[in-house]
Amino acid sequence: ILAQAVCASLFLFPCLNTSRLSQAAPSMAKSKNHTGHNQIYKNHRNGIKKTRRPRKMSMQGMNCRFVRNQAFAKRGNKCTPEEKEERLAAQKEAQKRIDELRKKEDEERLKELAK
């Protein structure tokens, strides 16, 4: 009988909404959205640790052509100890030649400045 009465009232007064009848009066807007309470304590329970430094630098974000070429260059430099000694000797010779050229250029420049 009660259900019939509610249906009849809805038929007579369609503006009445049953879902609104069950809701409470509107309350004030919620103002507090976040709090950091207790977070510092929780973070310090296990201690604040420094981040670990990576053993190898990440190649992410680098120019992929450069990274690829670098890998091939590293593979190309692999050699025996005898070849390594020869390379070092050749490098030292080249450095001596460059130093001699620099000395000559410096002497020439000083002569021109003296004139």
C-alpha atoms as a PDB file:
ATOM      1  CA  ILE A   1       0.000   0.000   0.000  1.00  0.00           C
ATOM      2  CA  LEU A   2       2.851   2.360   0.851  1.00  0.00           C
ATOM      3  CA  ALA A   3       4.536   1.666  -2.486  1.00  0.00           C
ATOM      4  CA  GLN A   4       1.298   2.443  -4.260  1.00  0.00           C
ATOM      5  CA  ALA A   5       1.035   5.734  -2.392  1.00  0.00           C
ATOM      6  CA  VAL A   6       4.612   6.718  -3.406  1.00  0.00           C
ATOM      7  CA  CYS A   7       3.914   5.810  -7.043  1.00  0.00           C
ATOM      8  CA  ALA A   8       0.668   7.787  -6.970  1.00  0.00           C
ATOM      9  CA  SER A   9       2.391  10.814  -5.464  1.00  0.00           C
ATOM     10  CA  LEU A  10       5.063  10.641  -8.183  1.00  0.00           C
ATOM     11  CA  PHE A  11       2.368  10.430 -10.799  1.00  0.00           C
ATOM     12  CA  LEU A  12       0.552  13.448  -9.347  1.00  0.00           C
ATOM     13  CA  PHE A  13       3.721  15.429  -8.542  1.00  0.00           C
ATOM     14  CA  PRO A  14       6.529  14.518 -10.993  1.00  0.00           C
ATOM     15  CA  CYS A  15       8.783  17.266  -9.609  1.00  0.00           C
ATOM     16  CA  LEU A  16       9.270  15.200  -6.435  1.00  0.00           C
ATOM     17  CA  ASN A  17      12.386  13.101  -6.716  1.00  0.00           C
ATOM     18  CA  THR A  18      12.730  10.154  -4.331  1.00  0.00           C
ATOM     19  CA  SER A  19      16.531  10.208  -4.432  1.00  0.00           C
ATOM     20  CA  ARG A  20      16.513  13.744  -3.054  1.00  0.00           C
ATOM     21  CA  LEU A  21      14.277  12.732  -0.215  1.00  0.00           C
ATOM     22  CA  SER A  22      16.872  10.248   1.041  1.00  0.00           C
ATOM     23  CA  GLN A  23      19.758  12.758   0.926  1.00  0.00           C
ATOM     24  CA  ALA A  24      20.622  14.953   3.880  1.00  0.00           C
ATOM     25  CA  ALA A  25      20.768  18.725   3.730  1.00  0.00           C
ATOM     26  CA  PRO A  26      23.816  20.040   1.837  1.00  0.00           C
ATOM     27  CA  SER A  27      26.828  20.559   4.101  1.00  0.00           C
ATOM     28  CA  MET A  28      29.669  23.052   3.828  1.00  0.00           C
ATOM     29  CA  ALA A  29      32.412  22.507   1.259  1.00  0.00           C
ATOM     30  CA  LYS A  30      35.403  20.469   2.314  1.00  0.00           C
ATOM     31  CA  SER A  31      38.436  22.724   2.763  1.00  0.00           C
ATOM     32  CA  LYS A  32      41.283  20.408   3.846  1.00  0.00           C
ATOM     33  CA  ASN A  33      42.667  18.413   0.917  1.00  0.00           C
ATOM     34  CA  HIS A  34      46.111  17.260   2.082  1.00  0.00           C
ATOM     35  CA  THR A  35      48.347  17.047   5.118  1.00  0.00           C
ATOM     36  CA  GLY A  36      51.986  16.075   5.572  1.00  0.00           C
ATOM     37  CA  HIS A  37      51.417  14.983   9.157  1.00  0.00           C
ATOM     38  CA  ASN A  38      53.672  12.095  10.251  1.00  0.00           C
ATOM     39  CA  GLN A  39      55.401  11.822   6.860  1.00  0.00           C
ATOM     40  CA  ILE A  40      58.784  13.138   8.101  1.00  0.00           C
ATOM     41  CA  TYR A  41      58.707  10.672  10.971  1.00  0.00           C
ATOM     42  CA  LYS A  42      57.883   7.777   8.650  1.00  0.00           C
ATOM     43  CA  ASN A  43      60.632   8.769   6.188  1.00  0.00           C
ATOM     44  CA  HIS A  44      63.261   8.965   8.917  1.00  0.00           C
ATOM     45  CA  ARG A  45      62.367   5.583  10.462  1.00  0.00           C
ATOM     46  CA  ASN A  46      64.621   3.838   7.937  1.00  0.00           C
ATOM     47  CA  GLY A  47      66.879   6.837   7.465  1.00  0.00           C
ATOM     48  CA  ILE A  48      67.268   9.202   4.537  1.00  0.00           C
ATOM     49  CA  LYS A  49      69.877   7.597   2.275  1.00  0.00           C
ATOM     50  CA  LYS A  50      71.980   9.090  -0.497  1.00  0.00           C
ATOM     51  CA  THR A  51      71.285   7.709  -3.943  1.00  0.00           C
ATOM     52  CA  ARG A  52      73.835   5.265  -5.308  1.00  0.00           C
ATOM     53  CA  ARG A  53      76.047   6.511  -8.102  1.00  0.00           C
ATOM     54  CA  PRO A  54      75.805   4.395 -11.247  1.00  0.00           C
ATOM     55  CA  ARG A  55      78.912   2.407 -12.201  1.00  0.00           C
ATOM     56  CA  LYS A  56      78.366   3.150 -15.860  1.00  0.00           C
ATOM     57  CA  MET A  57      77.033   6.361 -17.334  1.00  0.00           C
ATOM     58  CA  SER A  58      73.659   5.884 -18.979  1.00  0.00           C
ATOM     59  CA  MET A  59      73.568   6.091 -22.763  1.00  0.00           C
ATOM     60  CA  GLN A  60      69.875   6.979 -22.695  1.00  0.00           C
ATOM     61  CA  GLY A  61      69.213  10.275 -24.415  1.00  0.00           C
ATOM     62  CA  MET A  62      72.601  10.306 -26.180  1.00  0.00           C
ATOM     63  CA  ASN A  63      72.929  10.563 -29.926  1.00  0.00           C
ATOM     64  CA  CYS A  64      72.380   6.954 -31.058  1.00  0.00           C
ATOM     65  CA  ARG A  65      74.837   7.324 -33.959  1.00  0.00           C
ATOM     66  CA  PHE A  66      77.543   8.436 -31.513  1.00  0.00           C
ATOM     67  CA  VAL A  67      76.816   5.525 -29.151  1.00  0.00           C
ATOM     68  CA  ARG A  68      76.941   3.011 -31.996  1.00  0.00           C
ATOM     69  CA  ASN A  69      80.192   4.446 -33.349  1.00  0.00           C
ATOM     70  CA  GLN A  70      81.714   4.468 -29.876  1.00  0.00           C
ATOM     71  CA  ALA A  71      80.978   0.746 -29.474  1.00  0.00           C
ATOM     72  CA  PHE A  72      82.630  -0.066 -32.805  1.00  0.00           C
ATOM     73  CA  ALA A  73      85.636   2.095 -31.904  1.00  0.00           C
ATOM     74  CA  LYS A  74      86.077   0.288 -28.585  1.00  0.00           C
ATOM     75  CA  ARG A  75      85.990  -3.067 -30.352  1.00  0.00           C
ATOM     76  CA  GLY A  76      88.516  -1.805 -32.893  1.00  0.00           C
ATOM     77  CA  ASN A  77      90.970  -0.781 -30.147  1.00  0.00           C
ATOM     78  CA  LYS A  78      91.240  -4.292 -28.714  1.00  0.00           C
ATOM     79  CA  CYS A  79      94.792  -5.561 -29.220  1.00  0.00           C
ATOM     80  CA  THR A  80      97.604  -7.646 -27.763  1.00  0.00           C
ATOM     81  CA  PRO A  81     100.081  -6.188 -25.261  1.00  0.00           C
ATOM     82  CA  GLU A  82     102.821  -6.016 -27.953  1.00  0.00           C
ATOM     83  CA  GLU A  83     100.593  -3.968 -30.248  1.00  0.00           C
ATOM     84  CA  LYS A  84      99.712  -1.721 -27.328  1.00  0.00           C
ATOM     85  CA  GLU A  85     103.420  -1.008 -26.667  1.00  0.00           C
ATOM     86  CA  GLU A  86     103.932  -0.194 -30.354  1.00  0.00           C
ATOM     87  CA  ARG A  87     101.010   2.220 -30.268  1.00  0.00           C
ATOM     88  CA  LEU A  88     102.379   3.956 -27.178  1.00  0.00           C
ATOM     89  CA  ALA A  89     105.818   4.307 -28.795  1.00  0.00           C
ATOM     90  CA  ALA A  90     104.236   5.788 -31.940  1.00  0.00           C
ATOM     91  CA  GLN A  91     102.206   8.231 -29.828  1.00  0.00           C
ATOM     92  CA  LYS A  92     105.308   9.373 -27.954  1.00  0.00           C
ATOM     93  CA  GLU A  93     107.172   9.925 -31.226  1.00  0.00           C
ATOM     94  CA  ALA A  94     104.305  11.956 -32.639  1.00  0.00           C
ATOM     95  CA  GLN A  95     104.169  14.035 -29.450  1.00  0.00           C
ATOM     96  CA  LYS A  96     107.905  14.777 -29.713  1.00  0.00           C
ATOM     97  CA  ARG A  97     107.467  15.969 -33.312  1.00  0.00           C
ATOM     98  CA  ILE A  98     104.582  18.229 -32.300  1.00  0.00           C
ATOM     99  CA  ASP A  99     106.617  19.686 -29.411  1.00  0.00           C
ATOM    100  CA  GLU A 100     109.536  20.456 -31.790  1.00  0.00           C
ATOM    101  CA  LEU A 101     107.170  22.199 -34.225  1.00  0.00           C
ATOM    102  CA  ARG A 102     105.719  24.266 -31.395  1.00  0.00           C
ATOM    103  CA  LYS A 103     109.176  25.319 -30.223  1.00  0.00           C
ATOM    104  CA  LYS A 104     110.079  26.428 -33.760  1.00  0.00           C
ATOM    105  CA  GLU A 105     106.855  28.387 -34.105  1.00  0.00           C
ATOM    106  CA  ASP A 106     107.408  30.056 -30.715  1.00  0.00           C
ATOM    107  CA  GLU A 107     110.973  31.037 -31.661  1.00  0.00           C
ATOM    108  CA  GLU A 108     109.804  32.491 -34.983  1.00  0.00           C
ATOM    109  CA  ARG A 109     107.042  34.421 -33.261  1.00  0.00           C
ATOM    110  CA  LEU A 110     109.457  35.830 -30.678  1.00  0.00           C
ATOM    111  CA  LYS A 111     111.870  36.907 -33.450  1.00  0.00           C
ATOM    112  CA  GLU A 112     109.079  38.748 -35.239  1.00  0.00           C
ATOM    113  CA  LEU A 113     107.973  40.416 -32.020  1.00  0.00           C
ATOM    114  CA  ALA A 114     111.577  41.521 -31.321  1.00  0.00           C
ATOM    115  CA  LYS A 115     111.813  43.290 -34.713  1.00  0.00           C
END
